[in-house]
């Protein structure tokens, strides 16, 4: 039996992973989906006090509460910041594999916003500044390649994202993260603009001073940014292959 910890991206919640989580459990594995503070069913906790460190702590505490070791940590989109931090900070044996699902893979000292276009940064920061809880709203799910029932499901469930997570820099040692096997799931049909700047990194022999490529590989999916929703069966198969 494998242990999976599934972490959603911005504007999401544990609900984002529901089809894949249930499929992993039916296959006989332990699968837990985290909801980050201020989002999903925890949206009532949204406040200006939520930081990147709050969300890193959410993931680390879930590992403790679920008594997970040899965990396959699966992080989506913004949560690539969190997965990188947790891989840097956890002791050997806690994590088995780190899966970035169309996610941010930062350089040391970068923030989530570092690779975004200036208009995107300005728009999100302005929205946060004028909001009561210092947050910015979700985009239309069409940008994630969703349509019909999937589109409607995501649109009605998204919640504003805590703004102080956006420009917070992340310090980490790539050598510690690179000790873990890593899979990057690149979703390219359609590709999401804020992730496009990350794709060249995960095939670059010089990324993280040459530490990224050994022990990592890229899987390309012909779907949009949310494969756990648009292609849950394929996403599940990919994760099950990592259990062996």
C-alpha atoms as a PDB file:
ATOM      1  CA  UNK A   1       0.000   0.000   0.000  1.00  0.00           C
ATOM      2  CA  UNK A   2       1.362   3.390  -0.991  1.00  0.00           C
ATOM      3  CA  UNK A   3       0.800   6.715   0.758  1.00  0.00           C
ATOM      4  CA  UNK A   4      -0.307   9.673  -1.372  1.00  0.00           C
ATOM      5  CA  UNK A   5      -0.657  13.249  -0.185  1.00  0.00           C
ATOM      6  CA  UNK A   6      -2.458  15.397  -2.762  1.00  0.00           C
ATOM      7  CA  UNK A   7      -2.113  19.179  -2.628  1.00  0.00           C
ATOM      8  CA  UNK A   8      -4.266  21.540  -4.699  1.00  0.00           C
ATOM      9  CA  UNK A   9      -3.157  24.795  -6.285  1.00  0.00           C
ATOM     10  CA  UNK A  10      -4.457  28.347  -5.999  1.00  0.00           C
ATOM     11  CA  UNK A  11      -8.200  28.952  -5.536  1.00  0.00           C
ATOM     12  CA  UNK A  12      -8.799  25.231  -4.932  1.00  0.00           C
ATOM     13  CA  UNK A  13      -9.368  22.821  -2.083  1.00  0.00           C
ATOM     14  CA  UNK A  14      -9.210  19.110  -1.337  1.00  0.00           C
ATOM     15  CA  UNK A  15     -12.265  18.799  -3.584  1.00  0.00           C
ATOM     16  CA  UNK A  16     -10.033  19.391  -6.597  1.00  0.00           C
ATOM     17  CA  UNK A  17      -8.501  15.947  -6.175  1.00  0.00           C
ATOM     18  CA  UNK A  18     -11.720  14.051  -5.405  1.00  0.00           C
ATOM     19  CA  UNK A  19     -11.949  11.787  -8.514  1.00  0.00           C
ATOM     20  CA  UNK A  20      -8.265  10.805  -8.334  1.00  0.00           C
ATOM     21  CA  UNK A  21      -8.244  10.441  -4.557  1.00  0.00           C
ATOM     22  CA  UNK A  22     -11.220   8.067  -4.620  1.00  0.00           C
ATOM     23  CA  UNK A  23      -9.656   6.030  -7.427  1.00  0.00           C
ATOM     24  CA  UNK A  24      -6.385   5.653  -5.502  1.00  0.00           C
ATOM     25  CA  UNK A  25      -8.286   4.487  -2.422  1.00  0.00           C
ATOM     26  CA  UNK A  26     -10.293   1.977  -4.473  1.00  0.00           C
ATOM     27  CA  UNK A  27      -6.955   0.628  -5.756  1.00  0.00           C
ATOM     28  CA  UNK A  28      -5.994  -0.155  -2.149  1.00  0.00           C
ATOM     29  CA  UNK A  29      -3.821   2.839  -1.316  1.00  0.00           C
ATOM     30  CA  UNK A  30      -3.875   5.516   1.356  1.00  0.00           C
ATOM     31  CA  UNK A  31      -4.684   8.861  -0.286  1.00  0.00           C
ATOM     32  CA  UNK A  32      -5.286  12.098   1.601  1.00  0.00           C
ATOM     33  CA  UNK A  33      -6.077  15.468   0.021  1.00  0.00           C
ATOM     34  CA  UNK A  34      -5.122  18.641   1.885  1.00  0.00           C
ATOM     35  CA  UNK A  35      -7.129  21.868   1.946  1.00  0.00           C
ATOM     36  CA  UNK A  36      -4.826  24.834   2.462  1.00  0.00           C
ATOM     37  CA  UNK A  37      -5.755  27.479   5.034  1.00  0.00           C
ATOM     38  CA  UNK A  38      -8.172  30.082   3.706  1.00  0.00           C
ATOM     39  CA  UNK A  39      -9.365  27.999   0.754  1.00  0.00           C
ATOM     40  CA  UNK A  40     -12.069  25.437  -0.040  1.00  0.00           C
ATOM     41  CA  UNK A  41     -14.044  24.469   3.050  1.00  0.00           C
ATOM     42  CA  UNK A  42     -11.532  26.549   5.041  1.00  0.00           C
ATOM     43  CA  UNK A  43     -12.360  29.757   3.149  1.00  0.00           C
ATOM     44  CA  UNK A  44     -13.892  31.187   6.318  1.00  0.00           C
ATOM     45  CA  UNK A  45     -10.324  31.391   7.689  1.00  0.00           C
ATOM     46  CA  UNK A  46      -9.141  33.707   4.906  1.00  0.00           C
ATOM     47  CA  UNK A  47      -7.158  36.595   6.377  1.00  0.00           C
ATOM     48  CA  UNK A  48      -4.149  38.816   5.670  1.00  0.00           C
ATOM     49  CA  UNK A  49      -2.213  36.700   8.197  1.00  0.00           C
ATOM     50  CA  UNK A  50      -1.975  33.716   5.834  1.00  0.00           C
ATOM     51  CA  UNK A  51       1.486  33.441   4.294  1.00  0.00           C
ATOM     52  CA  UNK A  52       3.474  30.984   2.207  1.00  0.00           C
ATOM     53  CA  UNK A  53       4.790  29.557   5.479  1.00  0.00           C
ATOM     54  CA  UNK A  54       1.196  28.889   6.618  1.00  0.00           C
ATOM     55  CA  UNK A  55       0.606  26.702   3.574  1.00  0.00           C
ATOM     56  CA  UNK A  56       3.945  24.920   3.930  1.00  0.00           C
ATOM     57  CA  UNK A  57       2.961  24.129   7.510  1.00  0.00           C
ATOM     58  CA  UNK A  58      -0.439  22.835   6.315  1.00  0.00           C
ATOM     59  CA  UNK A  59       1.279  20.233   4.139  1.00  0.00           C
ATOM     60  CA  UNK A  60       3.857  19.223   6.740  1.00  0.00           C
ATOM     61  CA  UNK A  61       1.189  18.899   9.426  1.00  0.00           C
ATOM     62  CA  UNK A  62      -0.907  16.692   7.126  1.00  0.00           C
ATOM     63  CA  UNK A  63       2.055  14.312   6.817  1.00  0.00           C
ATOM     64  CA  UNK A  64       2.231  14.134  10.607  1.00  0.00           C
ATOM     65  CA  UNK A  65      -1.518  13.848  11.201  1.00  0.00           C
ATOM     66  CA  UNK A  66      -1.926  11.127   8.572  1.00  0.00           C
ATOM     67  CA  UNK A  67       1.170   9.310   9.916  1.00  0.00           C
ATOM     68  CA  UNK A  68       2.697   9.103   6.470  1.00  0.00           C
ATOM     69  CA  UNK A  69       6.138   7.832   5.572  1.00  0.00           C
ATOM     70  CA  UNK A  70       7.510   6.944   2.121  1.00  0.00           C
ATOM     71  CA  UNK A  71       4.894   9.378   0.854  1.00  0.00           C
ATOM     72  CA  UNK A  72       4.265  10.232  -2.779  1.00  0.00           C
ATOM     73  CA  UNK A  73       3.692  13.982  -2.502  1.00  0.00           C
ATOM     74  CA  UNK A  74       1.652  15.326  -5.410  1.00  0.00           C
ATOM     75  CA  UNK A  75       1.507  19.102  -5.826  1.00  0.00           C
ATOM     76  CA  UNK A  76      -0.486  21.072  -8.380  1.00  0.00           C
ATOM     77  CA  UNK A  77       0.287  24.502  -9.851  1.00  0.00           C
ATOM     78  CA  UNK A  78       1.027  27.039  -7.044  1.00  0.00           C
ATOM     79  CA  UNK A  79       1.615  24.117  -4.664  1.00  0.00           C
ATOM     80  CA  UNK A  80       4.894  23.435  -6.454  1.00  0.00           C
ATOM     81  CA  UNK A  81       6.230  26.092  -4.068  1.00  0.00           C
ATOM     82  CA  UNK A  82       4.982  24.023  -1.137  1.00  0.00           C
ATOM     83  CA  UNK A  83       6.237  20.674  -2.423  1.00  0.00           C
ATOM     84  CA  UNK A  84       9.694  22.124  -2.984  1.00  0.00           C
ATOM     85  CA  UNK A  85       9.761  23.531   0.550  1.00  0.00           C
ATOM     86  CA  UNK A  86       8.540  20.298   2.148  1.00  0.00           C
ATOM     87  CA  UNK A  87      11.078  18.201   0.224  1.00  0.00           C
ATOM     88  CA  UNK A  88      13.785  20.555   1.489  1.00  0.00           C
ATOM     89  CA  UNK A  89      12.664  20.434   5.123  1.00  0.00           C
ATOM     90  CA  UNK A  90      11.465  16.898   5.806  1.00  0.00           C
ATOM     91  CA  UNK A  91      13.765  14.201   7.135  1.00  0.00           C
ATOM     92  CA  UNK A  92      14.802  11.311   4.877  1.00  0.00           C
ATOM     93  CA  UNK A  93      12.167   8.580   4.752  1.00  0.00           C
ATOM     94  CA  UNK A  94       9.140  10.871   5.014  1.00  0.00           C
ATOM     95  CA  UNK A  95       8.848  11.365   1.260  1.00  0.00           C
ATOM     96  CA  UNK A  96       9.339   8.775  -1.469  1.00  0.00           C
ATOM     97  CA  UNK A  97       8.577  10.735  -4.643  1.00  0.00           C
ATOM     98  CA  UNK A  98       7.663  14.320  -5.502  1.00  0.00           C
ATOM     99  CA  UNK A  99       5.198  14.861  -8.355  1.00  0.00           C
ATOM    100  CA  UNK A 100       4.794  18.359  -9.791  1.00  0.00           C
ATOM    101  CA  UNK A 101       1.510  18.532 -11.729  1.00  0.00           C
ATOM    102  CA  UNK A 102       1.784  21.466 -14.151  1.00  0.00           C
ATOM    103  CA  UNK A 103       3.355  23.219 -11.209  1.00  0.00           C
ATOM    104  CA  UNK A 104       5.770  25.957 -10.271  1.00  0.00           C
ATOM    105  CA  UNK A 105       9.353  24.768  -9.838  1.00  0.00           C
ATOM    106  CA  UNK A 106      11.193  27.712  -8.287  1.00  0.00           C
ATOM    107  CA  UNK A 107      14.823  28.637  -8.079  1.00  0.00           C
ATOM    108  CA  UNK A 108      16.103  29.396  -4.559  1.00  0.00           C
ATOM    109  CA  UNK A 109      14.937  32.838  -3.528  1.00  0.00           C
ATOM    110  CA  UNK A 110      12.112  33.038  -6.057  1.00  0.00           C
ATOM    111  CA  UNK A 111       8.469  33.618  -5.248  1.00  0.00           C
ATOM    112  CA  UNK A 112       5.398  32.215  -6.959  1.00  0.00           C
ATOM    113  CA  UNK A 113       5.112  35.506  -8.818  1.00  0.00           C
ATOM    114  CA  UNK A 114       8.730  35.597 -10.014  1.00  0.00           C
ATOM    115  CA  UNK A 115       8.063  33.978 -13.393  1.00  0.00           C
ATOM    116  CA  UNK A 116       4.772  35.761 -14.080  1.00  0.00           C
ATOM    117  CA  UNK A 117       4.347  38.575 -16.567  1.00  0.00           C
ATOM    118  CA  UNK A 118       4.280  42.079 -15.094  1.00  0.00           C
ATOM    119  CA  UNK A 119       0.593  42.706 -15.987  1.00  0.00           C
ATOM    120  CA  UNK A 120      -0.404  39.503 -14.171  1.00  0.00           C
ATOM    121  CA  UNK A 121       1.559  40.520 -11.076  1.00  0.00           C
ATOM    122  CA  UNK A 122       0.110  44.022 -11.059  1.00  0.00           C
ATOM    123  CA  UNK A 123      -3.459  42.762 -11.509  1.00  0.00           C
ATOM    124  CA  UNK A 124      -3.229  40.233  -8.687  1.00  0.00           C
ATOM    125  CA  UNK A 125      -1.504  42.569  -6.268  1.00  0.00           C
ATOM    126  CA  UNK A 126      -4.002  45.343  -6.961  1.00  0.00           C
ATOM    127  CA  UNK A 127      -6.910  42.955  -6.422  1.00  0.00           C
ATOM    128  CA  UNK A 128      -5.392  41.857  -3.101  1.00  0.00           C
ATOM    129  CA  UNK A 129      -4.827  45.422  -1.938  1.00  0.00           C
ATOM    130  CA  UNK A 130      -8.457  46.445  -2.478  1.00  0.00           C
ATOM    131  CA  UNK A 131      -9.970  43.246  -1.026  1.00  0.00           C
ATOM    132  CA  UNK A 132     -11.080  42.985   2.624  1.00  0.00           C
ATOM    133  CA  UNK A 133      -8.974  39.884   3.335  1.00  0.00           C
ATOM    134  CA  UNK A 134      -5.976  40.656   1.112  1.00  0.00           C
ATOM    135  CA  UNK A 135      -6.765  38.054  -1.531  1.00  0.00           C
ATOM    136  CA  UNK A 136      -7.186  37.874  -5.287  1.00  0.00           C
ATOM    137  CA  UNK A 137      -9.993  36.158  -7.216  1.00  0.00           C
ATOM    138  CA  UNK A 138      -9.817  33.072  -9.384  1.00  0.00           C
ATOM    139  CA  UNK A 139      -9.605  33.325 -13.166  1.00  0.00           C
ATOM    140  CA  UNK A 140     -12.271  31.930 -15.444  1.00  0.00           C
ATOM    141  CA  UNK A 141     -11.698  28.130 -15.539  1.00  0.00           C
ATOM    142  CA  UNK A 142     -11.689  28.292 -19.345  1.00  0.00           C
ATOM    143  CA  UNK A 143      -7.988  29.160 -19.071  1.00  0.00           C
ATOM    144  CA  UNK A 144      -7.491  25.696 -17.555  1.00  0.00           C
ATOM    145  CA  UNK A 145      -9.008  24.049 -20.607  1.00  0.00           C
ATOM    146  CA  UNK A 146     -12.194  23.070 -18.789  1.00  0.00           C
ATOM    147  CA  UNK A 147     -15.633  22.958 -20.372  1.00  0.00           C
ATOM    148  CA  UNK A 148     -19.204  21.858 -19.690  1.00  0.00           C
ATOM    149  CA  UNK A 149     -19.802  20.166 -16.313  1.00  0.00           C
ATOM    150  CA  UNK A 150     -16.125  20.301 -15.309  1.00  0.00           C
ATOM    151  CA  UNK A 151     -16.060  24.021 -16.020  1.00  0.00           C
ATOM    152  CA  UNK A 152     -19.205  24.664 -13.986  1.00  0.00           C
ATOM    153  CA  UNK A 153     -17.982  22.525 -11.071  1.00  0.00           C
ATOM    154  CA  UNK A 154     -14.692  24.384 -10.789  1.00  0.00           C
ATOM    155  CA  UNK A 155     -16.189  27.833 -11.391  1.00  0.00           C
ATOM    156  CA  UNK A 156     -18.700  27.571  -8.567  1.00  0.00           C
ATOM    157  CA  UNK A 157     -16.218  26.085  -6.068  1.00  0.00           C
ATOM    158  CA  UNK A 158     -13.158  28.280  -6.529  1.00  0.00           C
ATOM    159  CA  UNK A 159     -12.449  30.778  -3.746  1.00  0.00           C
ATOM    160  CA  UNK A 160     -10.139  33.814  -3.547  1.00  0.00           C
ATOM    161  CA  UNK A 161      -6.481  33.033  -2.842  1.00  0.00           C
ATOM    162  CA  UNK A 162      -4.528  34.532   0.092  1.00  0.00           C
ATOM    163  CA  UNK A 163      -2.464  37.375  -1.332  1.00  0.00           C
ATOM    164  CA  UNK A 164       0.561  37.201   0.948  1.00  0.00           C
ATOM    165  CA  UNK A 165       1.554  33.864  -0.598  1.00  0.00           C
ATOM    166  CA  UNK A 166       2.178  35.530  -3.953  1.00  0.00           C
ATOM    167  CA  UNK A 167       5.401  37.478  -3.568  1.00  0.00           C
ATOM    168  CA  UNK A 168       6.948  35.568  -0.666  1.00  0.00           C
ATOM    169  CA  UNK A 169      10.427  34.250  -1.590  1.00  0.00           C
ATOM    170  CA  UNK A 170      11.278  30.624  -0.871  1.00  0.00           C
ATOM    171  CA  UNK A 171      14.686  29.678   0.474  1.00  0.00           C
ATOM    172  CA  UNK A 172      15.698  26.056  -0.031  1.00  0.00           C
ATOM    173  CA  UNK A 173      18.670  23.869  -0.837  1.00  0.00           C
ATOM    174  CA  UNK A 174      18.244  22.207  -4.261  1.00  0.00           C
ATOM    175  CA  UNK A 175      20.582  19.428  -3.163  1.00  0.00           C
ATOM    176  CA  UNK A 176      18.068  18.354  -0.513  1.00  0.00           C
ATOM    177  CA  UNK A 177      15.137  18.435  -2.931  1.00  0.00           C
ATOM    178  CA  UNK A 178      17.083  16.640  -5.659  1.00  0.00           C
ATOM    179  CA  UNK A 179      17.723  13.642  -3.413  1.00  0.00           C
ATOM    180  CA  UNK A 180      14.088  12.670  -4.095  1.00  0.00           C
ATOM    181  CA  UNK A 181      12.910  11.092  -7.349  1.00  0.00           C
ATOM    182  CA  UNK A 182      10.790  13.710  -9.142  1.00  0.00           C
ATOM    183  CA  UNK A 183       8.186  13.592 -11.886  1.00  0.00           C
ATOM    184  CA  UNK A 184       6.973  16.665 -13.717  1.00  0.00           C
ATOM    185  CA  UNK A 185       3.567  16.392 -15.412  1.00  0.00           C
ATOM    186  CA  UNK A 186       3.423  18.955 -18.211  1.00  0.00           C
ATOM    187  CA  UNK A 187      -0.105  19.723 -19.430  1.00  0.00           C
ATOM    188  CA  UNK A 188       0.026  21.252 -22.879  1.00  0.00           C
ATOM    189  CA  UNK A 189      -3.431  21.184 -24.491  1.00  0.00           C
ATOM    190  CA  UNK A 190      -4.014  23.997 -23.826  1.00  0.00           C
ATOM    191  CA  UNK A 191      -0.953  25.137 -21.926  1.00  0.00           C
ATOM    192  CA  UNK A 192      -1.363  27.708 -19.149  1.00  0.00           C
ATOM    193  CA  UNK A 193       0.587  30.911 -19.700  1.00  0.00           C
ATOM    194  CA  UNK A 194       1.799  31.280 -16.118  1.00  0.00           C
ATOM    195  CA  UNK A 195       3.316  27.783 -16.244  1.00  0.00           C
ATOM    196  CA  UNK A 196       4.854  28.046 -19.718  1.00  0.00           C
ATOM    197  CA  UNK A 197       7.958  29.728 -18.291  1.00  0.00           C
ATOM    198  CA  UNK A 198       8.515  26.670 -16.070  1.00  0.00           C
ATOM    199  CA  UNK A 199       8.476  24.055 -18.841  1.00  0.00           C
ATOM    200  CA  UNK A 200      11.970  24.824 -20.212  1.00  0.00           C
ATOM    201  CA  UNK A 201      13.407  24.503 -16.714  1.00  0.00           C
ATOM    202  CA  UNK A 202      12.421  20.881 -16.220  1.00  0.00           C
ATOM    203  CA  UNK A 203      14.306  19.788 -19.346  1.00  0.00           C
ATOM    204  CA  UNK A 204      17.315  22.068 -18.782  1.00  0.00           C
ATOM    205  CA  UNK A 205      20.511  20.246 -17.843  1.00  0.00           C
ATOM    206  CA  UNK A 206      21.738  23.386 -16.093  1.00  0.00           C
ATOM    207  CA  UNK A 207      18.673  23.971 -13.886  1.00  0.00           C
ATOM    208  CA  UNK A 208      19.446  24.018 -10.161  1.00  0.00           C
ATOM    209  CA  UNK A 209      23.156  24.077 -11.121  1.00  0.00           C
ATOM    210  CA  UNK A 210      22.747  20.739 -12.865  1.00  0.00           C
ATOM    211  CA  UNK A 211      20.934  19.039  -9.986  1.00  0.00           C
ATOM    212  CA  UNK A 212      17.434  18.901 -11.499  1.00  0.00           C
ATOM    213  CA  UNK A 213      17.691  16.408 -14.345  1.00  0.00           C
ATOM    214  CA  UNK A 214      19.319  13.459 -12.541  1.00  0.00           C
ATOM    215  CA  UNK A 215      16.488  11.654 -10.806  1.00  0.00           C
ATOM    216  CA  UNK A 216      13.702  13.497 -12.597  1.00  0.00           C
ATOM    217  CA  UNK A 217      11.600  12.908 -15.664  1.00  0.00           C
ATOM    218  CA  UNK A 218       8.836  14.695 -17.555  1.00  0.00           C
ATOM    219  CA  UNK A 219       5.484  13.225 -18.573  1.00  0.00           C
ATOM    220  CA  UNK A 220       3.480  15.213 -21.103  1.00  0.00           C
ATOM    221  CA  UNK A 221      -0.319  15.096 -20.977  1.00  0.00           C
ATOM    222  CA  UNK A 222      -2.518  16.236 -23.850  1.00  0.00           C
ATOM    223  CA  UNK A 223      -4.933  18.076 -21.615  1.00  0.00           C
ATOM    224  CA  UNK A 224      -5.257  21.380 -19.792  1.00  0.00           C
ATOM    225  CA  UNK A 225      -3.911  22.642 -16.491  1.00  0.00           C
ATOM    226  CA  UNK A 226      -6.248  20.519 -14.312  1.00  0.00           C
ATOM    227  CA  UNK A 227      -5.649  16.895 -15.373  1.00  0.00           C
ATOM    228  CA  UNK A 228      -7.104  15.570 -12.121  1.00  0.00           C
ATOM    229  CA  UNK A 229     -10.426  16.945 -13.392  1.00  0.00           C
ATOM    230  CA  UNK A 230     -10.152  16.770 -17.177  1.00  0.00           C
ATOM    231  CA  UNK A 231      -8.340  13.395 -17.331  1.00  0.00           C
ATOM    232  CA  UNK A 232      -8.714  11.741 -13.908  1.00  0.00           C
ATOM    233  CA  UNK A 233      -8.209   8.182 -15.184  1.00  0.00           C
ATOM    234  CA  UNK A 234      -4.922   9.023 -16.904  1.00  0.00           C
ATOM    235  CA  UNK A 235      -3.782  11.042 -13.891  1.00  0.00           C
ATOM    236  CA  UNK A 236      -4.608   8.125 -11.606  1.00  0.00           C
ATOM    237  CA  UNK A 237      -2.713   5.636 -13.784  1.00  0.00           C
ATOM    238  CA  UNK A 238       0.344   7.851 -13.726  1.00  0.00           C
ATOM    239  CA  UNK A 239       0.271   8.023  -9.930  1.00  0.00           C
ATOM    240  CA  UNK A 240      -0.358   4.289  -9.539  1.00  0.00           C
ATOM    241  CA  UNK A 241       2.746   3.589 -11.624  1.00  0.00           C
ATOM    242  CA  UNK A 242       4.792   5.391  -8.963  1.00  0.00           C
ATOM    243  CA  UNK A 243       3.579   3.072  -6.197  1.00  0.00           C
ATOM    244  CA  UNK A 244       5.795   0.170  -7.328  1.00  0.00           C
END
